[in-house]
Amino acid sequence: MSRRGQQGSGTVLGLVWLSVFGVGIVVALVIALLIAQAHQVRSAADLAALSAAVHAADGPRPACAAARQVAGSMRAQVRRCDLVGLTVTVELESLGVTLWGVHLPMTAIARAGPALS
């Protein structure tokens, strides 16, 4: 029995599996990048809200200015800053991740204020 029709089939199968594995690694790295970016924008929102809460007694303008300063230092922009009483709500948008020419901004909302007793 001749096996001439199967010569090289193992090499082709190996290349297919190697390609599938390579694509899987790229997908996993992209997902990890997006998760890291989401964590970064949530952290930036938390810090911006805390910074604004420190200045909440001074009014909305100084509080939101503090939030913008912190957000800018963490490569994010304030989309919304609301002050109700001494509680500040901040919505941030990250300057984003660009993958293959597609811009993927991320947003996060955080609230900070005095603890209720």
N, C-alpha and C. Protein backbone atom coordinates (compact mmCIF):
# COMPACT_ATOMS: atom_id res chain seq x y z
N MET A 1 0.83 -1.16 0.00
CA MET A 1 0.00 0.00 0.00
C MET A 1 0.88 1.24 0.00
N SER A 2 0.60 2.15 -0.92
CA SER A 2 1.41 3.34 -1.06
C SER A 2 0.83 4.50 -0.24
N ARG A 3 1.73 5.32 0.35
CA ARG A 3 1.31 6.47 1.16
C ARG A 3 1.71 7.77 0.48
N ARG A 4 1.90 7.72 -0.84
CA ARG A 4 2.36 8.90 -1.56
C ARG A 4 1.35 10.04 -1.49
N GLY A 5 0.07 9.81 -1.42
CA GLY A 5 -0.95 10.84 -1.37
C GLY A 5 -0.96 11.59 -0.05
N GLN A 6 -0.29 11.04 0.96
CA GLN A 6 -0.29 11.67 2.27
C GLN A 6 1.02 12.36 2.60
N GLN A 7 1.93 12.44 1.69
CA GLN A 7 3.20 13.09 1.96
C GLN A 7 2.98 14.58 2.18
N GLY A 8 3.48 15.09 3.30
CA GLY A 8 3.36 16.52 3.61
C GLY A 8 2.09 16.89 4.34
N SER A 9 1.17 15.94 4.54
CA SER A 9 -0.09 16.28 5.22
C SER A 9 0.15 16.64 6.69
N GLY A 10 1.14 16.03 7.30
CA GLY A 10 1.47 16.37 8.69
C GLY A 10 1.99 17.80 8.80
N THR A 11 2.76 18.23 7.82
CA THR A 11 3.27 19.60 7.81
C THR A 11 2.13 20.60 7.65
N VAL A 12 1.21 20.30 6.75
CA VAL A 12 0.07 21.20 6.54
C VAL A 12 -0.79 21.26 7.81
N LEU A 13 -1.04 20.13 8.42
CA LEU A 13 -1.83 20.10 9.65
C LEU A 13 -1.12 20.89 10.76
N GLY A 14 0.18 20.74 10.85
CA GLY A 14 0.95 21.49 11.85
C GLY A 14 0.87 22.99 11.62
N LEU A 15 0.95 23.42 10.36
CA LEU A 15 0.84 24.84 10.05
C LEU A 15 -0.55 25.39 10.36
N VAL A 16 -1.57 24.58 10.12
CA VAL A 16 -2.94 25.01 10.45
C VAL A 16 -3.07 25.20 11.95
N TRP A 17 -2.58 24.25 12.73
CA TRP A 17 -2.66 24.38 14.19
C TRP A 17 -1.83 25.55 14.70
N LEU A 18 -0.69 25.78 14.11
CA LEU A 18 0.14 26.91 14.49
C LEU A 18 -0.56 28.23 14.18
N SER A 19 -1.24 28.31 13.06
CA SER A 19 -1.99 29.51 12.71
C SER A 19 -3.14 29.75 13.68
N VAL A 20 -3.87 28.71 14.02
CA VAL A 20 -4.97 28.83 14.98
C VAL A 20 -4.44 29.28 16.33
N PHE A 21 -3.34 28.72 16.76
CA PHE A 21 -2.73 29.10 18.03
C PHE A 21 -2.29 30.56 18.00
N GLY A 22 -1.69 31.00 16.90
CA GLY A 22 -1.24 32.39 16.77
C GLY A 22 -2.40 33.37 16.81
N VAL A 23 -3.49 33.06 16.14
CA VAL A 23 -4.67 33.92 16.17
C VAL A 23 -5.24 33.96 17.58
N GLY A 24 -5.24 32.84 18.26
CA GLY A 24 -5.73 32.80 19.64
C GLY A 24 -4.90 33.69 20.57
N ILE A 25 -3.61 33.70 20.38
CA ILE A 25 -2.74 34.55 21.20
C ILE A 25 -3.03 36.02 20.92
N VAL A 26 -3.20 36.38 19.66
CA VAL A 26 -3.49 37.78 19.31
C VAL A 26 -4.83 38.21 19.93
N VAL A 27 -5.84 37.38 19.85
CA VAL A 27 -7.14 37.69 20.43
C VAL A 27 -7.02 37.85 21.95
N ALA A 28 -6.28 36.96 22.60
CA ALA A 28 -6.09 37.06 24.04
C ALA A 28 -5.37 38.35 24.43
N LEU A 29 -4.38 38.75 23.65
CA LEU A 29 -3.65 39.99 23.94
C LEU A 29 -4.55 41.22 23.76
N VAL A 30 -5.40 41.22 22.75
CA VAL A 30 -6.32 42.34 22.53
C VAL A 30 -7.31 42.43 23.68
N ILE A 31 -7.84 41.30 24.12
CA ILE A 31 -8.77 41.29 25.25
C ILE A 31 -8.08 41.80 26.51
N ALA A 32 -6.85 41.37 26.73
CA ALA A 32 -6.09 41.84 27.91
C ALA A 32 -5.86 43.34 27.84
N LEU A 33 -5.56 43.86 26.67
CA LEU A 33 -5.36 45.30 26.50
C LEU A 33 -6.64 46.07 26.81
N LEU A 34 -7.78 45.58 26.33
CA LEU A 34 -9.05 46.25 26.58
C LEU A 34 -9.43 46.21 28.07
N ILE A 35 -9.16 45.10 28.72
CA ILE A 35 -9.44 44.99 30.15
C ILE A 35 -8.56 45.95 30.94
N ALA A 36 -7.29 46.03 30.58
CA ALA A 36 -6.38 46.96 31.26
C ALA A 36 -6.83 48.40 31.07
N GLN A 37 -7.27 48.75 29.87
CA GLN A 37 -7.74 50.10 29.59
C GLN A 37 -9.00 50.40 30.39
N ALA A 38 -9.90 49.44 30.52
CA ALA A 38 -11.12 49.63 31.31
C ALA A 38 -10.79 49.86 32.78
N HIS A 39 -9.83 49.12 33.31
CA HIS A 39 -9.40 49.32 34.70
C HIS A 39 -8.79 50.71 34.88
N GLN A 40 -8.01 51.14 33.89
CA GLN A 40 -7.36 52.44 34.00
C GLN A 40 -8.39 53.57 34.01
N VAL A 41 -9.39 53.50 33.15
CA VAL A 41 -10.38 54.59 33.12
C VAL A 41 -11.26 54.57 34.37
N ARG A 42 -11.54 53.38 34.92
CA ARG A 42 -12.30 53.32 36.19
C ARG A 42 -11.49 53.91 37.33
N SER A 43 -10.20 53.63 37.36
CA SER A 43 -9.33 54.21 38.40
C SER A 43 -9.25 55.72 38.25
N ALA A 44 -9.15 56.19 37.02
CA ALA A 44 -9.10 57.62 36.78
C ALA A 44 -10.40 58.29 37.23
N ALA A 45 -11.53 57.65 36.98
CA ALA A 45 -12.82 58.20 37.40
C ALA A 45 -12.91 58.26 38.92
N ASP A 46 -12.46 57.20 39.58
CA ASP A 46 -12.47 57.19 41.05
C ASP A 46 -11.61 58.32 41.62
N LEU A 47 -10.40 58.46 41.09
CA LEU A 47 -9.50 59.50 41.59
C LEU A 47 -10.03 60.90 41.28
N ALA A 48 -10.62 61.08 40.10
CA ALA A 48 -11.17 62.38 39.74
C ALA A 48 -12.35 62.74 40.64
N ALA A 49 -13.20 61.76 40.94
CA ALA A 49 -14.34 62.01 41.83
C ALA A 49 -13.87 62.34 43.24
N LEU A 50 -12.86 61.63 43.73
CA LEU A 50 -12.33 61.92 45.06
C LEU A 50 -11.70 63.31 45.11
N SER A 51 -10.98 63.66 44.07
CA SER A 51 -10.37 64.98 44.01
C SER A 51 -11.44 66.07 43.98
N ALA A 52 -12.49 65.84 43.23
CA ALA A 52 -13.58 66.82 43.16
C ALA A 52 -14.31 66.92 44.49
N ALA A 53 -14.46 65.79 45.18
CA ALA A 53 -15.16 65.79 46.47
C ALA A 53 -14.39 66.60 47.51
N VAL A 54 -13.07 66.60 47.42
CA VAL A 54 -12.26 67.40 48.34
C VAL A 54 -12.58 68.89 48.19
N HIS A 55 -12.88 69.30 46.96
CA HIS A 55 -13.16 70.71 46.67
C HIS A 55 -14.66 71.00 46.54
N ALA A 56 -15.51 70.06 46.93
CA ALA A 56 -16.95 70.24 46.76
C ALA A 56 -17.50 71.41 47.56
N ALA A 57 -16.95 71.67 48.72
CA ALA A 57 -17.44 72.79 49.54
C ALA A 57 -17.16 74.14 48.89
N ASP A 58 -16.20 74.19 47.96
CA ASP A 58 -15.87 75.43 47.26
C ASP A 58 -16.81 75.71 46.10
N GLY A 59 -17.65 74.76 45.74
CA GLY A 59 -18.60 74.94 44.64
C GLY A 59 -18.28 74.04 43.46
N PRO A 60 -19.19 74.02 42.48
CA PRO A 60 -19.02 73.11 41.34
C PRO A 60 -17.83 73.45 40.44
N ARG A 61 -17.54 74.71 40.27
CA ARG A 61 -16.45 75.10 39.36
C ARG A 61 -15.09 74.60 39.86
N PRO A 62 -14.70 74.87 41.12
CA PRO A 62 -13.41 74.34 41.60
C PRO A 62 -13.39 72.82 41.69
N ALA A 63 -14.53 72.25 42.06
CA ALA A 63 -14.59 70.78 42.19
C ALA A 63 -14.38 70.12 40.83
N CYS A 64 -15.07 70.60 39.82
CA CYS A 64 -14.94 70.01 38.48
C CYS A 64 -13.58 70.32 37.85
N ALA A 65 -13.01 71.48 38.20
CA ALA A 65 -11.66 71.79 37.72
C ALA A 65 -10.65 70.80 38.28
N ALA A 66 -10.81 70.44 39.55
CA ALA A 66 -9.92 69.45 40.16
C ALA A 66 -10.09 68.10 39.48
N ALA A 67 -11.35 67.74 39.17
CA ALA A 67 -11.60 66.47 38.48
C ALA A 67 -10.95 66.47 37.10
N ARG A 68 -11.06 67.58 36.37
CA ARG A 68 -10.45 67.67 35.03
C ARG A 68 -8.93 67.56 35.10
N GLN A 69 -8.34 68.16 36.12
CA GLN A 69 -6.88 68.11 36.26
C GLN A 69 -6.41 66.67 36.50
N VAL A 70 -7.09 65.98 37.40
CA VAL A 70 -6.71 64.58 37.68
C VAL A 70 -6.96 63.71 36.46
N ALA A 71 -8.10 63.90 35.81
CA ALA A 71 -8.42 63.10 34.62
C ALA A 71 -7.39 63.33 33.52
N GLY A 72 -7.01 64.58 33.31
CA GLY A 72 -6.02 64.88 32.28
C GLY A 72 -4.68 64.23 32.55
N SER A 73 -4.30 64.17 33.82
CA SER A 73 -3.01 63.54 34.15
C SER A 73 -3.04 62.03 33.95
N MET A 74 -4.25 61.48 33.88
CA MET A 74 -4.40 60.03 33.65
C MET A 74 -4.90 59.73 32.23
N ARG A 75 -4.70 60.69 31.32
CA ARG A 75 -5.05 60.53 29.90
C ARG A 75 -6.52 60.23 29.70
N ALA A 76 -7.36 61.00 30.37
CA ALA A 76 -8.81 60.88 30.22
C ALA A 76 -9.42 62.27 30.18
N GLN A 77 -10.66 62.35 29.76
CA GLN A 77 -11.36 63.63 29.69
C GLN A 77 -12.66 63.53 30.48
N VAL A 78 -13.03 64.62 31.15
CA VAL A 78 -14.29 64.66 31.89
C VAL A 78 -15.41 64.93 30.90
N ARG A 79 -16.37 64.03 30.82
CA ARG A 79 -17.54 64.23 29.97
C ARG A 79 -18.66 64.91 30.74
N ARG A 80 -18.74 64.60 32.03
CA ARG A 80 -19.80 65.18 32.86
C ARG A 80 -19.29 65.26 34.29
N CYS A 81 -19.64 66.37 34.95
CA CYS A 81 -19.27 66.57 36.35
C CYS A 81 -20.45 67.24 37.04
N ASP A 82 -21.09 66.54 37.96
CA ASP A 82 -22.26 67.06 38.67
C ASP A 82 -21.97 67.11 40.15
N LEU A 83 -22.39 68.20 40.77
CA LEU A 83 -22.24 68.38 42.21
C LEU A 83 -23.64 68.58 42.80
N VAL A 84 -24.04 67.66 43.67
CA VAL A 84 -25.31 67.76 44.38
C VAL A 84 -24.98 67.71 45.86
N GLY A 85 -25.18 68.84 46.53
CA GLY A 85 -24.75 68.92 47.92
C GLY A 85 -23.23 68.85 47.95
N LEU A 86 -22.72 67.86 48.66
CA LEU A 86 -21.28 67.62 48.69
C LEU A 86 -20.89 66.34 47.94
N THR A 87 -21.84 65.79 47.21
CA THR A 87 -21.58 64.55 46.46
C THR A 87 -21.31 64.89 45.00
N VAL A 88 -20.22 64.37 44.50
CA VAL A 88 -19.79 64.64 43.12
C VAL A 88 -19.93 63.37 42.30
N THR A 89 -20.50 63.51 41.11
CA THR A 89 -20.55 62.41 40.15
C THR A 89 -19.77 62.83 38.92
N VAL A 90 -18.81 62.00 38.53
CA VAL A 90 -17.92 62.32 37.42
C VAL A 90 -18.02 61.19 36.40
N GLU A 91 -18.16 61.59 35.12
CA GLU A 91 -18.11 60.62 34.03
C GLU A 91 -16.90 60.96 33.17
N LEU A 92 -16.04 59.96 32.99
CA LEU A 92 -14.80 60.15 32.21
C LEU A 92 -14.84 59.32 30.95
N GLU A 93 -14.10 59.79 29.96
CA GLU A 93 -13.86 59.02 28.75
C GLU A 93 -12.36 58.96 28.55
N SER A 94 -11.86 57.76 28.36
CA SER A 94 -10.42 57.63 28.12
C SER A 94 -10.10 58.14 26.73
N LEU A 95 -8.87 58.54 26.55
CA LEU A 95 -8.45 58.98 25.23
C LEU A 95 -8.38 57.79 24.28
N GLY A 96 -8.46 56.61 24.84
CA GLY A 96 -8.75 55.43 24.06
C GLY A 96 -7.60 54.58 23.60
N VAL A 97 -8.01 53.49 23.03
CA VAL A 97 -7.10 52.52 22.43
C VAL A 97 -7.42 52.50 20.95
N THR A 98 -6.41 52.46 20.12
CA THR A 98 -6.64 52.34 18.68
C THR A 98 -6.09 51.00 18.22
N LEU A 99 -6.98 50.17 17.70
CA LEU A 99 -6.60 48.85 17.20
C LEU A 99 -6.94 48.77 15.72
N TRP A 100 -5.94 48.56 14.91
CA TRP A 100 -6.11 48.42 13.47
C TRP A 100 -6.91 49.59 12.88
N GLY A 101 -6.61 50.79 13.35
CA GLY A 101 -7.25 51.99 12.82
C GLY A 101 -8.62 52.31 13.41
N VAL A 102 -9.10 51.51 14.35
CA VAL A 102 -10.40 51.74 14.97
C VAL A 102 -10.17 52.30 16.37
N HIS A 103 -10.74 53.49 16.63
CA HIS A 103 -10.60 54.13 17.93
C HIS A 103 -11.66 53.57 18.88
N LEU A 104 -11.24 53.07 20.03
CA LEU A 104 -12.15 52.47 21.01
C LEU A 104 -12.08 53.24 22.32
N PRO A 105 -12.88 54.31 22.47
CA PRO A 105 -12.88 55.04 23.75
C PRO A 105 -13.62 54.23 24.81
N MET A 106 -13.27 54.47 26.07
CA MET A 106 -13.93 53.80 27.18
C MET A 106 -14.40 54.85 28.17
N THR A 107 -15.54 54.61 28.79
CA THR A 107 -16.09 55.55 29.75
C THR A 107 -16.26 54.88 31.10
N ALA A 108 -16.28 55.70 32.12
CA ALA A 108 -16.50 55.22 33.50
C ALA A 108 -17.18 56.33 34.30
N ILE A 109 -18.00 55.94 35.23
CA ILE A 109 -18.69 56.88 36.10
C ILE A 109 -18.30 56.56 37.54
N ALA A 110 -18.00 57.61 38.31
CA ALA A 110 -17.65 57.42 39.72
C ALA A 110 -18.34 58.52 40.54
N ARG A 111 -18.63 58.19 41.77
CA ARG A 111 -19.26 59.15 42.67
C ARG A 111 -18.49 59.17 43.97
N ALA A 112 -18.34 60.36 44.54
CA ALA A 112 -17.64 60.50 45.82
C ALA A 112 -18.30 61.63 46.62
N GLY A 113 -18.25 61.47 47.91
CA GLY A 113 -18.81 62.48 48.80
C GLY A 113 -18.62 62.06 50.23
N PRO A 114 -19.21 62.80 51.14
CA PRO A 114 -19.05 62.46 52.56
C PRO A 114 -19.79 61.17 52.90
N ALA A 115 -19.26 60.45 53.86
CA ALA A 115 -19.90 59.21 54.31
C ALA A 115 -21.15 59.56 55.13
N LEU A 116 -22.18 58.75 54.93
CA LEU A 116 -23.40 58.95 55.71
C LEU A 116 -23.24 58.32 57.07
N SER A 117 -23.69 59.01 58.12
CA SER A 117 -23.54 58.43 59.45
C SER A 117 -24.85 57.91 59.97
